[in-house]
Amino acid sequence: MLGQNFASMLTGTAGFGEGSGAATSLLGAVARSGTSRGIMGRRRDGSAFPMDLAVTEMQESGTSVYIALVRDISARAAAETMAAEAQQRLVDALESINEAFVLCDTQDRIVLFNAESGFDTAYKHLQNQPDRRLHRLTGRVLDARKQQLREVIAQHLRIYRRSGCCV
């Protein structure tokens, strides 16, 4: 696509209109933002692909000149889609468990939980409370629920250890 107008590489101009004027507006907006932007591009064969567009603007004889760096991010987009699908499968699996499931990180902060854990009910109940009360109440409810779960886990561990299992 060397030597072609930049607009020919775009499947659309992300809301900037149509044609080369719109492509120039897009380039200017990306350059002024100072960050790259993910948009859909067009390959030589006409197929669409996700691309990352980074642009720098220069002035030459009073005219704006844009230097654009285009990266094909098809692999990254596919990986992000796969990760989102895997996360949804995990959430669906956790919600299908009829026992409480709570995952904590190494500092005992709750990372993930299912509906059976009761945390979602506590959040829904407390959503209409004023902020200060919400934080205090949420903390108390979660601390109490966490303590209940710790006691249940400790009880199960004692039973397993008594039965001769190594845990």
Foldseek 3Di string as FASTA:
>chain_A
DPPDQPLQFAPDLVPQDDDSVSVVVSQVVQQVVQAWDWHWTADPVGDIFIKIKHWHWDADPNDIDIDIDIDGCRVVVVVVVVVVVVVVVVLVVQQVDQAWDFDAPPVRDTDDIYVNLVLVVLCVVLVPPPPVVSVVSSVVVVVVSVVVVVVVVVVVVVVCVVVVDDD
